Amino acid sequence: MDLNDYPMSYPASQYEITVLKKQTNDLIHQVKHEAFNYMDQLEGWCSKNKASVLINLIFMLNPKTIVEIGVWGGKSLIPMAHALKTNERGVAYGIDPWDNLESVDGMEGVNYEWWNSIDHKKILSDLEIKIIQFDLESQIILLKTTSQLAPIIPNIDILHIDGNHSEKSSTLDVNKWVPLVRKGGIIIFDDVTWGTNDNAVQWLDENCIRLAEFHEDNDWAVWIKP
């Protein structure tokens, strides 16, 4: 559809707004299509529905600084970085130690056995190769350390927390990183219905404004920093 498809009774300003909106929607659709193709090549559990919401948030907020706690194979970090690249603005910091001992801290049973058996270094190596392959080196900074030891990153626009889900780690994540989110910034927390995350989720509900909750294989929710 182009300008000639609209009745001449619309003012010129309406043409500009309508065409711009269509062009933006087409661009976002293209970014999602490309990001979904990238996701099919990555390890992790981020759904394409969640990635779609993350991409929408980036186009809405035009963020300068994104922080992700718990990167693993990059299945949520890569789509966000691709949107940043399209916006020609912003950096996504991915914080993850990629270390078996850190992953199993506070875990029990099958969760402990699974995280202890996985080759974390290979997951990291494969992700680093994909970052280069997808030409996202300017948009991604990987910090290979724990959330606790990672350097302070101020004025965060979007914070995505999906790290170790033990009570100790998830509580530390919100206590350390949410205060670094700017006023009006967005916090996304994964696996909100896990019992070990109850304290962290309660802290978020008491200190931020819950905007939405999504029920998928991994339930997650979105808050805004007041």
N, C-alpha and C. Protein backbone atom coordinates (compact mmCIF):
# COMPACT_ATOMS: atom_id res chain seq x y z
N MET A 1 0.85 -1.20 0.00
CA MET A 1 0.00 0.00 0.00
C MET A 1 0.88 1.24 0.00
N ASP A 2 0.52 2.25 -0.85
CA ASP A 2 1.28 3.50 -0.86
C ASP A 2 0.32 4.67 -0.70
N LEU A 3 0.85 5.89 -0.86
CA LEU A 3 0.02 7.08 -0.63
C LEU A 3 -1.18 7.13 -1.54
N ASN A 4 -1.05 6.60 -2.75
CA ASN A 4 -2.14 6.69 -3.70
C ASN A 4 -3.34 5.84 -3.28
N ASP A 5 -3.15 4.92 -2.35
CA ASP A 5 -4.25 4.07 -1.89
C ASP A 5 -5.13 4.76 -0.86
N TYR A 6 -4.70 5.92 -0.33
CA TYR A 6 -5.47 6.60 0.70
C TYR A 6 -6.30 7.72 0.07
N PRO A 7 -7.52 7.97 0.54
CA PRO A 7 -8.36 9.04 -0.01
C PRO A 7 -7.68 10.39 0.11
N MET A 8 -7.90 11.26 -0.86
CA MET A 8 -7.25 12.56 -0.87
C MET A 8 -7.78 13.48 0.22
N SER A 9 -8.87 13.09 0.91
CA SER A 9 -9.41 13.93 1.97
C SER A 9 -8.52 13.92 3.21
N TYR A 10 -7.60 12.91 3.36
CA TYR A 10 -6.72 12.89 4.51
C TYR A 10 -5.68 13.98 4.37
N PRO A 11 -5.35 14.67 5.47
CA PRO A 11 -4.30 15.68 5.40
C PRO A 11 -2.94 15.03 5.16
N ALA A 12 -1.99 15.84 4.68
CA ALA A 12 -0.65 15.33 4.38
C ALA A 12 0.00 14.70 5.60
N SER A 13 -0.22 15.29 6.79
CA SER A 13 0.39 14.75 8.00
C SER A 13 -0.08 13.33 8.27
N GLN A 14 -1.33 13.04 7.92
CA GLN A 14 -1.86 11.69 8.12
C GLN A 14 -1.14 10.70 7.22
N TYR A 15 -0.82 11.12 5.98
CA TYR A 15 -0.06 10.24 5.09
C TYR A 15 1.26 9.88 5.74
N GLU A 16 1.96 10.87 6.30
CA GLU A 16 3.28 10.65 6.88
C GLU A 16 3.20 9.68 8.05
N ILE A 17 2.23 9.87 8.91
CA ILE A 17 2.09 9.01 10.09
C ILE A 17 1.76 7.58 9.69
N THR A 18 0.83 7.43 8.73
CA THR A 18 0.40 6.10 8.31
C THR A 18 1.53 5.35 7.64
N VAL A 19 2.24 6.01 6.73
CA VAL A 19 3.33 5.37 6.02
C VAL A 19 4.46 5.01 6.98
N LEU A 20 4.80 5.92 7.90
CA LEU A 20 5.85 5.66 8.86
C LEU A 20 5.51 4.45 9.72
N LYS A 21 4.25 4.37 10.17
CA LYS A 21 3.85 3.25 11.01
C LYS A 21 3.97 1.94 10.24
N LYS A 22 3.55 1.94 8.96
CA LYS A 22 3.64 0.73 8.16
C LYS A 22 5.09 0.33 7.96
N GLN A 23 5.95 1.30 7.67
CA GLN A 23 7.36 1.00 7.47
C GLN A 23 7.98 0.44 8.73
N THR A 24 7.61 1.02 9.89
CA THR A 24 8.14 0.54 11.16
C THR A 24 7.67 -0.88 11.44
N ASN A 25 6.39 -1.16 11.22
CA ASN A 25 5.87 -2.50 11.43
C ASN A 25 6.55 -3.52 10.52
N ASP A 26 6.77 -3.14 9.28
CA ASP A 26 7.46 -4.03 8.34
C ASP A 26 8.88 -4.31 8.81
N LEU A 27 9.55 -3.27 9.32
CA LEU A 27 10.92 -3.42 9.80
C LEU A 27 10.96 -4.36 11.01
N ILE A 28 10.04 -4.16 11.95
CA ILE A 28 10.01 -5.02 13.14
C ILE A 28 9.72 -6.47 12.74
N HIS A 29 8.82 -6.65 11.80
CA HIS A 29 8.51 -8.00 11.33
C HIS A 29 9.77 -8.65 10.72
N GLN A 30 10.52 -7.88 9.96
CA GLN A 30 11.74 -8.41 9.35
C GLN A 30 12.77 -8.77 10.42
N VAL A 31 12.93 -7.90 11.43
CA VAL A 31 13.88 -8.15 12.51
C VAL A 31 13.50 -9.43 13.25
N LYS A 32 12.22 -9.61 13.52
CA LYS A 32 11.79 -10.82 14.23
C LYS A 32 12.04 -12.06 13.39
N HIS A 33 11.76 -12.00 12.12
CA HIS A 33 12.00 -13.14 11.23
C HIS A 33 13.47 -13.54 11.27
N GLU A 34 14.36 -12.55 11.17
CA GLU A 34 15.80 -12.84 11.20
C GLU A 34 16.21 -13.36 12.58
N ALA A 35 15.68 -12.75 13.64
CA ALA A 35 16.03 -13.16 15.00
C ALA A 35 15.58 -14.59 15.26
N PHE A 36 14.40 -14.96 14.78
CA PHE A 36 13.90 -16.32 14.99
C PHE A 36 14.80 -17.34 14.28
N ASN A 37 15.31 -16.98 13.12
CA ASN A 37 16.25 -17.86 12.43
C ASN A 37 17.52 -18.03 13.25
N TYR A 38 17.99 -16.96 13.85
CA TYR A 38 19.18 -17.04 14.71
C TYR A 38 18.89 -17.96 15.90
N MET A 39 17.72 -17.79 16.51
CA MET A 39 17.38 -18.56 17.71
C MET A 39 17.39 -20.06 17.44
N ASP A 40 17.01 -20.46 16.24
CA ASP A 40 17.00 -21.88 15.91
C ASP A 40 18.39 -22.49 15.94
N GLN A 41 19.42 -21.63 15.94
CA GLN A 41 20.80 -22.11 15.94
C GLN A 41 21.46 -22.00 17.32
N LEU A 42 20.68 -21.65 18.34
CA LEU A 42 21.23 -21.36 19.65
C LEU A 42 20.68 -22.30 20.72
N GLU A 43 21.48 -22.48 21.79
CA GLU A 43 21.04 -23.25 22.94
C GLU A 43 20.27 -22.33 23.90
N GLY A 44 19.27 -22.89 24.57
CA GLY A 44 18.53 -22.10 25.55
C GLY A 44 17.05 -22.38 25.50
N TRP A 45 16.28 -21.60 26.28
CA TRP A 45 14.86 -21.89 26.47
C TRP A 45 13.95 -20.71 26.17
N CYS A 46 14.49 -19.60 25.71
CA CYS A 46 13.66 -18.45 25.39
C CYS A 46 12.73 -18.80 24.24
N SER A 47 11.43 -18.59 24.43
CA SER A 47 10.47 -18.86 23.37
C SER A 47 10.49 -17.72 22.35
N LYS A 48 9.97 -18.00 21.18
CA LYS A 48 9.90 -16.96 20.16
C LYS A 48 8.85 -15.91 20.53
N ASN A 49 7.84 -16.31 21.30
CA ASN A 49 6.88 -15.33 21.80
C ASN A 49 7.57 -14.34 22.74
N LYS A 50 8.41 -14.86 23.63
CA LYS A 50 9.14 -13.97 24.55
C LYS A 50 10.10 -13.08 23.77
N ALA A 51 10.83 -13.66 22.83
CA ALA A 51 11.75 -12.87 22.02
C ALA A 51 11.01 -11.76 21.28
N SER A 52 9.80 -12.07 20.82
CA SER A 52 8.99 -11.08 20.12
C SER A 52 8.67 -9.90 21.04
N VAL A 53 8.29 -10.20 22.29
CA VAL A 53 8.01 -9.13 23.25
C VAL A 53 9.27 -8.32 23.55
N LEU A 54 10.40 -8.99 23.73
CA LEU A 54 11.65 -8.28 24.00
C LEU A 54 12.00 -7.34 22.85
N ILE A 55 11.82 -7.81 21.63
CA ILE A 55 12.10 -6.96 20.47
C ILE A 55 11.15 -5.77 20.42
N ASN A 56 9.87 -6.01 20.71
CA ASN A 56 8.91 -4.90 20.75
C ASN A 56 9.34 -3.84 21.77
N LEU A 57 9.77 -4.28 22.95
CA LEU A 57 10.20 -3.35 23.99
C LEU A 57 11.38 -2.51 23.53
N ILE A 58 12.29 -3.13 22.79
CA ILE A 58 13.46 -2.39 22.31
C ILE A 58 13.05 -1.33 21.31
N PHE A 59 12.12 -1.65 20.42
CA PHE A 59 11.68 -0.64 19.45
C PHE A 59 10.84 0.45 20.13
N MET A 60 10.17 0.12 21.22
CA MET A 60 9.38 1.11 21.95
C MET A 60 10.28 2.06 22.76
N LEU A 61 11.29 1.49 23.41
CA LEU A 61 12.10 2.26 24.36
C LEU A 61 13.38 2.82 23.75
N ASN A 62 13.82 2.26 22.62
CA ASN A 62 15.08 2.67 22.01
C ASN A 62 16.20 2.72 23.06
N PRO A 63 16.46 1.60 23.73
CA PRO A 63 17.37 1.62 24.88
C PRO A 63 18.83 1.81 24.49
N LYS A 64 19.57 2.39 25.42
CA LYS A 64 21.01 2.51 25.27
C LYS A 64 21.73 1.37 25.99
N THR A 65 21.16 0.91 27.11
CA THR A 65 21.82 -0.11 27.93
C THR A 65 20.85 -1.21 28.31
N ILE A 66 21.19 -2.43 27.92
CA ILE A 66 20.47 -3.63 28.32
C ILE A 66 21.42 -4.51 29.13
N VAL A 67 20.91 -5.09 30.22
CA VAL A 67 21.69 -6.04 31.00
C VAL A 67 20.90 -7.33 31.11
N GLU A 68 21.56 -8.44 30.79
CA GLU A 68 20.94 -9.75 30.94
C GLU A 68 21.75 -10.57 31.93
N ILE A 69 21.09 -11.05 32.98
CA ILE A 69 21.71 -11.92 33.97
C ILE A 69 21.35 -13.36 33.61
N GLY A 70 22.33 -14.15 33.23
CA GLY A 70 22.07 -15.52 32.81
C GLY A 70 21.88 -15.60 31.31
N VAL A 71 22.97 -15.81 30.58
CA VAL A 71 22.94 -15.75 29.12
C VAL A 71 22.81 -17.15 28.50
N TRP A 72 23.54 -18.10 29.05
CA TRP A 72 23.63 -19.46 28.56
C TRP A 72 23.99 -19.46 27.07
N GLY A 73 23.12 -19.96 26.19
CA GLY A 73 23.46 -20.03 24.78
C GLY A 73 23.08 -18.81 23.97
N GLY A 74 22.55 -17.78 24.64
CA GLY A 74 22.26 -16.51 23.96
C GLY A 74 20.91 -16.44 23.29
N LYS A 75 19.99 -17.33 23.64
CA LYS A 75 18.73 -17.40 22.91
C LYS A 75 17.84 -16.20 23.14
N SER A 76 18.04 -15.45 24.22
CA SER A 76 17.31 -14.19 24.41
C SER A 76 18.22 -12.99 24.15
N LEU A 77 19.51 -13.13 24.41
CA LEU A 77 20.44 -12.02 24.20
C LEU A 77 20.61 -11.69 22.72
N ILE A 78 20.70 -12.70 21.89
CA ILE A 78 20.92 -12.48 20.45
C ILE A 78 19.75 -11.73 19.80
N PRO A 79 18.49 -12.11 20.03
CA PRO A 79 17.39 -11.33 19.44
C PRO A 79 17.39 -9.87 19.89
N MET A 80 17.69 -9.62 21.18
CA MET A 80 17.73 -8.24 21.65
C MET A 80 18.86 -7.47 20.98
N ALA A 81 20.01 -8.10 20.84
CA ALA A 81 21.14 -7.43 20.20
C ALA A 81 20.85 -7.14 18.73
N HIS A 82 20.15 -8.04 18.08
CA HIS A 82 19.79 -7.82 16.67
C HIS A 82 18.87 -6.61 16.53
N ALA A 83 17.95 -6.44 17.47
CA ALA A 83 17.07 -5.26 17.46
C ALA A 83 17.87 -4.00 17.72
N LEU A 84 18.83 -4.06 18.64
CA LEU A 84 19.70 -2.91 18.89
C LEU A 84 20.47 -2.52 17.63
N LYS A 85 20.97 -3.51 16.93
CA LYS A 85 21.72 -3.24 15.70
C LYS A 85 20.85 -2.53 14.68
N THR A 86 19.62 -2.96 14.57
CA THR A 86 18.69 -2.33 13.63
C THR A 86 18.42 -0.89 14.04
N ASN A 87 18.30 -0.65 15.35
CA ASN A 87 18.08 0.71 15.87
C ASN A 87 19.32 1.59 15.76
N GLU A 88 20.47 0.95 15.53
CA GLU A 88 21.76 1.66 15.47
C GLU A 88 22.04 2.39 16.78
N ARG A 89 21.67 1.74 17.90
CA ARG A 89 21.88 2.35 19.21
C ARG A 89 21.80 1.28 20.28
N GLY A 90 22.74 1.34 21.21
CA GLY A 90 22.63 0.51 22.39
C GLY A 90 23.57 -0.69 22.43
N VAL A 91 23.82 -1.13 23.68
CA VAL A 91 24.67 -2.29 23.93
C VAL A 91 23.96 -3.21 24.92
N ALA A 92 24.09 -4.52 24.70
CA ALA A 92 23.54 -5.51 25.62
C ALA A 92 24.69 -6.20 26.34
N TYR A 93 24.70 -6.07 27.67
CA TYR A 93 25.70 -6.73 28.50
C TYR A 93 25.14 -8.09 28.92
N GLY A 94 25.86 -9.15 28.62
CA GLY A 94 25.45 -10.49 29.03
C GLY A 94 26.33 -11.00 30.15
N ILE A 95 25.73 -11.22 31.31
CA ILE A 95 26.49 -11.62 32.50
C ILE A 95 26.21 -13.09 32.80
N ASP A 96 27.28 -13.89 32.78
CA ASP A 96 27.14 -15.33 33.02
C ASP A 96 28.54 -15.89 33.25
N PRO A 97 28.76 -16.71 34.31
CA PRO A 97 30.09 -17.26 34.53
C PRO A 97 30.40 -18.46 33.64
N TRP A 98 29.37 -19.07 33.06
CA TRP A 98 29.56 -20.30 32.29
C TRP A 98 30.46 -21.27 33.06
N ASP A 99 30.01 -21.59 34.27
CA ASP A 99 30.81 -22.40 35.18
C ASP A 99 29.90 -23.40 35.89
N ASN A 100 30.28 -24.68 35.86
CA ASN A 100 29.43 -25.71 36.46
C ASN A 100 29.17 -25.48 37.93
N LEU A 101 30.20 -25.12 38.67
CA LEU A 101 30.04 -24.94 40.11
C LEU A 101 29.06 -23.82 40.44
N GLU A 102 29.13 -22.74 39.68
CA GLU A 102 28.21 -21.63 39.91
C GLU A 102 26.78 -22.00 39.52
N SER A 103 26.64 -22.79 38.45
CA SER A 103 25.30 -23.17 38.00
C SER A 103 24.59 -24.06 39.00
N VAL A 104 25.34 -24.92 39.68
CA VAL A 104 24.69 -25.87 40.61
C VAL A 104 24.57 -25.31 42.01
N ASP A 105 25.07 -24.11 42.25
CA ASP A 105 24.99 -23.52 43.58
C ASP A 105 23.52 -23.38 44.00
N GLY A 106 23.16 -24.04 45.08
CA GLY A 106 21.78 -23.99 45.57
C GLY A 106 20.84 -24.96 44.91
N MET A 107 21.32 -25.75 43.93
CA MET A 107 20.47 -26.70 43.22
C MET A 107 20.46 -28.06 43.92
N GLU A 108 19.41 -28.83 43.66
CA GLU A 108 19.29 -30.17 44.21
C GLU A 108 18.74 -31.12 43.15
N GLY A 109 18.90 -32.42 43.40
CA GLY A 109 18.26 -33.44 42.58
C GLY A 109 18.61 -33.38 41.11
N VAL A 110 17.58 -33.53 40.25
CA VAL A 110 17.81 -33.59 38.80
C VAL A 110 18.37 -32.28 38.26
N ASN A 111 17.99 -31.16 38.86
CA ASN A 111 18.53 -29.88 38.41
C ASN A 111 20.03 -29.82 38.64
N TYR A 112 20.46 -30.29 39.80
CA TYR A 112 21.89 -30.33 40.11
C TYR A 112 22.61 -31.24 39.12
N GLU A 113 22.06 -32.42 38.90
CA GLU A 113 22.72 -33.38 38.01
C GLU A 113 22.83 -32.84 36.59
N TRP A 114 21.77 -32.20 36.10
CA TRP A 114 21.79 -31.70 34.72
C TRP A 114 22.82 -30.59 34.56
N TRP A 115 22.74 -29.56 35.43
CA TRP A 115 23.64 -28.43 35.29
C TRP A 115 25.10 -28.82 35.54
N ASN A 116 25.32 -29.85 36.33
CA ASN A 116 26.68 -30.29 36.60
C ASN A 116 27.27 -31.10 35.45
N SER A 117 26.39 -31.65 34.60
CA SER A 117 26.86 -32.53 33.52
C SER A 117 27.14 -31.78 32.21
N ILE A 118 26.61 -30.58 32.07
CA ILE A 118 26.69 -29.86 30.79
C ILE A 118 28.06 -29.19 30.64
N ASP A 119 28.59 -29.21 29.42
CA ASP A 119 29.87 -28.56 29.11
C ASP A 119 29.63 -27.06 28.92
N HIS A 120 29.79 -26.30 30.00
CA HIS A 120 29.55 -24.86 29.97
C HIS A 120 30.49 -24.13 29.01
N LYS A 121 31.73 -24.55 28.97
CA LYS A 121 32.72 -23.87 28.13
C LYS A 121 32.38 -24.01 26.65
N LYS A 122 31.84 -25.16 26.27
CA LYS A 122 31.43 -25.33 24.88
C LYS A 122 30.24 -24.44 24.54
N ILE A 123 29.30 -24.33 25.47
CA ILE A 123 28.15 -23.44 25.26
C ILE A 123 28.64 -22.02 25.02
N LEU A 124 29.60 -21.57 25.83
CA LEU A 124 30.16 -20.22 25.67
C LEU A 124 30.88 -20.09 24.34
N SER A 125 31.71 -21.06 24.02
CA SER A 125 32.47 -21.01 22.76
C SER A 125 31.55 -20.95 21.55
N ASP A 126 30.49 -21.77 21.57
CA ASP A 126 29.54 -21.76 20.46
C ASP A 126 28.85 -20.40 20.35
N LEU A 127 28.51 -19.80 21.49
CA LEU A 127 27.86 -18.49 21.46
C LEU A 127 28.80 -17.43 20.89
N GLU A 128 30.05 -17.44 21.30
CA GLU A 128 31.01 -16.45 20.79
C GLU A 128 31.16 -16.57 19.28
N ILE A 129 31.13 -17.77 18.77
CA ILE A 129 31.20 -17.98 17.31
C ILE A 129 29.96 -17.40 16.64
N LYS A 130 28.79 -17.62 17.24
CA LYS A 130 27.55 -17.11 16.65
C LYS A 130 27.48 -15.59 16.69
N ILE A 131 28.00 -14.98 17.74
CA ILE A 131 28.01 -13.51 17.81
C ILE A 131 28.78 -12.93 16.63
N ILE A 132 29.90 -13.54 16.31
CA ILE A 132 30.69 -13.09 15.15
C ILE A 132 29.95 -13.40 13.85
N GLN A 133 29.40 -14.59 13.76
CA GLN A 133 28.69 -15.00 12.55
C GLN A 133 27.50 -14.09 12.26
N PHE A 134 26.79 -13.67 13.32
CA PHE A 134 25.63 -12.81 13.15
C PHE A 134 25.99 -11.32 13.10
N ASP A 135 27.28 -11.02 13.17
CA ASP A 135 27.78 -9.64 13.10
C ASP A 135 27.18 -8.76 14.21
N LEU A 136 27.25 -9.27 15.44
CA LEU A 136 26.70 -8.55 16.59
C LEU A 136 27.77 -8.19 17.62
N GLU A 137 29.01 -8.15 17.19
CA GLU A 137 30.11 -7.86 18.12
C GLU A 137 30.03 -6.46 18.71
N SER A 138 29.46 -5.52 17.96
CA SER A 138 29.36 -4.14 18.47
C SER A 138 28.19 -3.96 19.42
N GLN A 139 27.26 -4.92 19.42
CA GLN A 139 26.07 -4.80 20.25
C GLN A 139 26.13 -5.63 21.53
N ILE A 140 27.07 -6.57 21.63
CA ILE A 140 27.12 -7.49 22.77
C ILE A 140 28.45 -7.39 23.49
N ILE A 141 28.37 -7.25 24.81
CA ILE A 141 29.55 -7.34 25.67
C ILE A 141 29.29 -8.46 26.67
N LEU A 142 30.07 -9.54 26.57
CA LEU A 142 29.92 -10.66 27.49
C LEU A 142 30.81 -10.44 28.71
N LEU A 143 30.22 -10.55 29.88
CA LEU A 143 30.96 -10.45 31.14
C LEU A 143 30.95 -11.84 31.77
N LYS A 144 32.09 -12.52 31.71
CA LYS A 144 32.18 -13.92 32.13
C LYS A 144 32.45 -13.99 33.62
N THR A 145 31.41 -13.69 34.38
CA THR A 145 31.51 -13.66 35.83
C THR A 145 30.12 -13.83 36.42
N THR A 146 30.06 -13.94 37.71
CA THR A 146 28.77 -14.07 38.37
C THR A 146 28.07 -12.72 38.47
N SER A 147 26.78 -12.77 38.70
CA SER A 147 26.00 -11.55 38.92
C SER A 147 26.57 -10.76 40.10
N GLN A 148 26.95 -11.47 41.14
CA GLN A 148 27.47 -10.82 42.35
C GLN A 148 28.78 -10.09 42.09
N LEU A 149 29.68 -10.68 41.29
CA LEU A 149 31.00 -10.11 41.08
C LEU A 149 31.06 -9.17 39.87
N ALA A 150 30.02 -9.14 39.07
CA ALA A 150 30.02 -8.30 37.87
C ALA A 150 30.10 -6.82 38.25
N PRO A 151 30.78 -6.00 37.44
CA PRO A 151 30.87 -4.57 37.74
C PRO A 151 29.51 -3.89 37.64
N ILE A 152 29.38 -2.80 38.37
CA ILE A 152 28.15 -2.01 38.34
C ILE A 152 27.95 -1.41 36.94
N ILE A 153 26.73 -1.51 36.45
CA ILE A 153 26.36 -0.91 35.17
C ILE A 153 25.19 0.03 35.43
N PRO A 154 25.40 1.33 35.41
CA PRO A 154 24.33 2.27 35.78
C PRO A 154 23.36 2.56 34.65
N ASN A 155 22.23 3.16 35.01
CA ASN A 155 21.25 3.66 34.03
C ASN A 155 20.81 2.60 33.05
N ILE A 156 20.40 1.45 33.58
CA ILE A 156 19.94 0.35 32.74
C ILE A 156 18.53 0.66 32.23
N ASP A 157 18.33 0.48 30.94
CA ASP A 157 17.02 0.69 30.33
C ASP A 157 16.15 -0.57 30.40
N ILE A 158 16.76 -1.72 30.12
CA ILE A 158 16.06 -3.01 30.17
C ILE A 158 16.95 -4.00 30.92
N LEU A 159 16.38 -4.61 31.96
CA LEU A 159 17.08 -5.63 32.74
C LEU A 159 16.34 -6.95 32.59
N HIS A 160 17.05 -7.97 32.12
CA HIS A 160 16.46 -9.30 31.97
C HIS A 160 17.17 -10.25 32.92
N ILE A 161 16.43 -10.76 33.90
CA ILE A 161 17.01 -11.65 34.91
C ILE A 161 16.56 -13.08 34.64
N ASP A 162 17.55 -13.92 34.32
CA ASP A 162 17.28 -15.33 34.05
C ASP A 162 18.49 -16.15 34.45
N GLY A 163 19.02 -15.88 35.64
CA GLY A 163 20.21 -16.56 36.11
C GLY A 163 19.89 -17.77 36.96
N ASN A 164 20.82 -18.13 37.83
CA ASN A 164 20.61 -19.22 38.78
C ASN A 164 19.33 -18.96 39.58
N HIS A 165 18.43 -19.94 39.63
CA HIS A 165 17.13 -19.74 40.26
C HIS A 165 17.09 -20.13 41.74
N SER A 166 18.26 -20.34 42.35
CA SER A 166 18.24 -20.61 43.79
C SER A 166 17.73 -19.36 44.50
N GLU A 167 17.20 -19.54 45.70
CA GLU A 167 16.67 -18.40 46.45
C GLU A 167 17.75 -17.35 46.70
N LYS A 168 18.94 -17.79 47.05
CA LYS A 168 20.03 -16.86 47.32
C LYS A 168 20.40 -16.04 46.09
N SER A 169 20.56 -16.73 44.95
CA SER A 169 21.01 -16.04 43.74
C SER A 169 19.93 -15.12 43.17
N SER A 170 18.69 -15.58 43.12
CA SER A 170 17.64 -14.75 42.54
C SER A 170 17.37 -13.51 43.39
N THR A 171 17.46 -13.67 44.71
CA THR A 171 17.29 -12.51 45.59
C THR A 171 18.42 -11.52 45.42
N LEU A 172 19.64 -12.02 45.30
CA LEU A 172 20.79 -11.14 45.06
C LEU A 172 20.62 -10.39 43.74
N ASP A 173 20.14 -11.09 42.72
CA ASP A 173 20.00 -10.46 41.40
C ASP A 173 19.09 -9.23 41.45
N VAL A 174 17.93 -9.37 42.10
CA VAL A 174 17.02 -8.22 42.12
C VAL A 174 17.53 -7.12 43.05
N ASN A 175 18.12 -7.51 44.18
CA ASN A 175 18.62 -6.50 45.13
C ASN A 175 19.77 -5.69 44.56
N LYS A 176 20.62 -6.33 43.76
CA LYS A 176 21.77 -5.62 43.19
C LYS A 176 21.41 -4.83 41.94
N TRP A 177 20.65 -5.44 41.04
CA TRP A 177 20.53 -4.89 39.70
C TRP A 177 19.30 -4.00 39.48
N VAL A 178 18.19 -4.29 40.14
CA VAL A 178 17.00 -3.46 39.92
C VAL A 178 17.24 -2.00 40.33
N PRO A 179 17.95 -1.71 41.45
CA PRO A 179 18.22 -0.30 41.77
C PRO A 179 19.05 0.42 40.70
N LEU A 180 19.71 -0.33 39.83
CA LEU A 180 20.52 0.28 38.77
C LEU A 180 19.70 0.58 37.52
N VAL A 181 18.45 0.14 37.50
CA VAL A 181 17.56 0.43 36.38
C VAL A 181 17.05 1.85 36.50
N ARG A 182 17.05 2.58 35.41
CA ARG A 182 16.59 3.97 35.44
C ARG A 182 15.09 4.02 35.71
N LYS A 183 14.63 5.16 36.18
CA LYS A 183 13.20 5.38 36.37
C LYS A 183 12.49 5.23 35.03
N GLY A 184 11.46 4.41 35.00
CA GLY A 184 10.74 4.14 33.76
C GLY A 184 11.33 2.98 32.98
N GLY A 185 12.43 2.41 33.48
CA GLY A 185 13.04 1.26 32.82
C GLY A 185 12.23 0.00 33.05
N ILE A 186 12.60 -1.06 32.33
CA ILE A 186 11.85 -2.31 32.33
C ILE A 186 12.67 -3.43 32.96
N ILE A 187 12.00 -4.25 33.77
CA ILE A 187 12.61 -5.44 34.34
C ILE A 187 11.81 -6.66 33.89
N ILE A 188 12.50 -7.65 33.34
CA ILE A 188 11.88 -8.92 32.97
C ILE A 188 12.50 -9.99 33.85
N PHE A 189 11.65 -10.80 34.49
CA PHE A 189 12.14 -11.87 35.38
C PHE A 189 11.56 -13.19 34.90
N ASP A 190 12.44 -14.16 34.71
CA ASP A 190 12.03 -15.45 34.17
C ASP A 190 11.67 -16.44 35.28
N ASP A 191 10.80 -17.37 34.95
CA ASP A 191 10.41 -18.44 35.88
C ASP A 191 9.85 -17.89 37.18
N VAL A 192 8.87 -17.00 37.06
CA VAL A 192 8.32 -16.34 38.25
C VAL A 192 7.55 -17.31 39.15
N THR A 193 7.15 -18.47 38.63
CA THR A 193 6.36 -19.39 39.44
C THR A 193 7.21 -20.45 40.13
N TRP A 194 8.52 -20.41 39.93
CA TRP A 194 9.40 -21.32 40.67
C TRP A 194 9.40 -20.90 42.14
N GLY A 195 9.21 -21.85 43.04
CA GLY A 195 9.17 -21.52 44.46
C GLY A 195 10.43 -20.86 44.97
N THR A 196 11.58 -21.24 44.41
CA THR A 196 12.85 -20.64 44.86
C THR A 196 12.98 -19.18 44.47
N ASN A 197 12.11 -18.71 43.56
CA ASN A 197 12.14 -17.31 43.14
C ASN A 197 11.11 -16.46 43.88
N ASP A 198 10.39 -17.04 44.83
CA ASP A 198 9.29 -16.31 45.47
C ASP A 198 9.75 -15.01 46.13
N ASN A 199 10.86 -15.04 46.83
CA ASN A 199 11.34 -13.83 47.51
C ASN A 199 11.70 -12.74 46.52
N ALA A 200 12.35 -13.14 45.43
CA ALA A 200 12.73 -12.16 44.41
C ALA A 200 11.50 -11.55 43.75
N VAL A 201 10.51 -12.39 43.44
CA VAL A 201 9.29 -11.90 42.79
C VAL A 201 8.52 -10.99 43.75
N GLN A 202 8.46 -11.36 45.02
CA GLN A 202 7.79 -10.51 46.00
C GLN A 202 8.49 -9.16 46.12
N TRP A 203 9.80 -9.17 46.11
CA TRP A 203 10.57 -7.92 46.18
C TRP A 203 10.24 -7.03 44.98
N LEU A 204 10.15 -7.63 43.81
CA LEU A 204 9.81 -6.85 42.61
C LEU A 204 8.41 -6.27 42.72
N ASP A 205 7.46 -7.07 43.20
CA ASP A 205 6.09 -6.58 43.33
C ASP A 205 5.98 -5.44 44.34
N GLU A 206 6.84 -5.47 45.37
CA GLU A 206 6.80 -4.43 46.40
C GLU A 206 7.52 -3.16 45.98
N ASN A 207 8.46 -3.27 45.06
CA ASN A 207 9.30 -2.11 44.71
C ASN A 207 9.12 -1.61 43.28
N CYS A 208 8.42 -2.38 42.46
CA CYS A 208 8.20 -1.99 41.07
C CYS A 208 6.72 -2.23 40.72
N ILE A 209 6.36 -1.88 39.51
CA ILE A 209 4.97 -2.02 39.06
C ILE A 209 4.90 -3.14 38.03
N ARG A 210 4.15 -4.19 38.37
CA ARG A 210 4.03 -5.32 37.44
C ARG A 210 3.13 -4.91 36.27
N LEU A 211 3.64 -5.10 35.06
CA LEU A 211 2.90 -4.74 33.86
C LEU A 211 2.18 -5.93 33.24
N ALA A 212 2.84 -7.09 33.26
CA ALA A 212 2.26 -8.24 32.57
C ALA A 212 2.92 -9.52 33.05
N GLU A 213 2.19 -10.63 32.89
CA GLU A 213 2.74 -11.95 33.19
C GLU A 213 2.38 -12.88 32.04
N PHE A 214 3.35 -13.69 31.64
CA PHE A 214 3.19 -14.57 30.48
C PHE A 214 3.34 -16.02 30.94
N HIS A 215 2.38 -16.86 30.55
CA HIS A 215 2.39 -18.26 30.95
C HIS A 215 2.73 -19.13 29.75
N GLU A 216 3.96 -19.62 29.75
CA GLU A 216 4.44 -20.51 28.70
C GLU A 216 5.12 -21.69 29.40
N ASP A 217 6.02 -22.38 28.69
CA ASP A 217 6.80 -23.43 29.35
C ASP A 217 7.58 -22.84 30.52
N ASN A 218 8.09 -21.62 30.33
CA ASN A 218 8.74 -20.88 31.40
C ASN A 218 7.93 -19.61 31.65
N ASP A 219 7.23 -19.54 32.77
CA ASP A 219 6.44 -18.35 33.08
C ASP A 219 7.36 -17.19 33.40
N TRP A 220 7.00 -16.02 32.91
CA TRP A 220 7.83 -14.83 33.14
C TRP A 220 6.96 -13.61 33.22
N ALA A 221 7.51 -12.53 33.78
CA ALA A 221 6.72 -11.32 33.99
C ALA A 221 7.57 -10.08 33.73
N VAL A 222 6.86 -8.96 33.56
CA VAL A 222 7.49 -7.69 33.23
C VAL A 222 7.07 -6.63 34.25
N TRP A 223 8.03 -5.87 34.75
CA TRP A 223 7.78 -4.76 35.66
C TRP A 223 8.37 -3.48 35.10
N ILE A 224 7.85 -2.34 35.58
CA ILE A 224 8.43 -1.05 35.25
C ILE A 224 8.99 -0.44 36.54
N LYS A 225 10.13 0.22 36.45
CA LYS A 225 10.75 0.84 37.61
C LYS A 225 10.09 2.19 37.85
N PRO A 226 9.46 2.39 39.02
CA PRO A 226 8.74 3.65 39.28
C PRO A 226 9.71 4.78 39.58
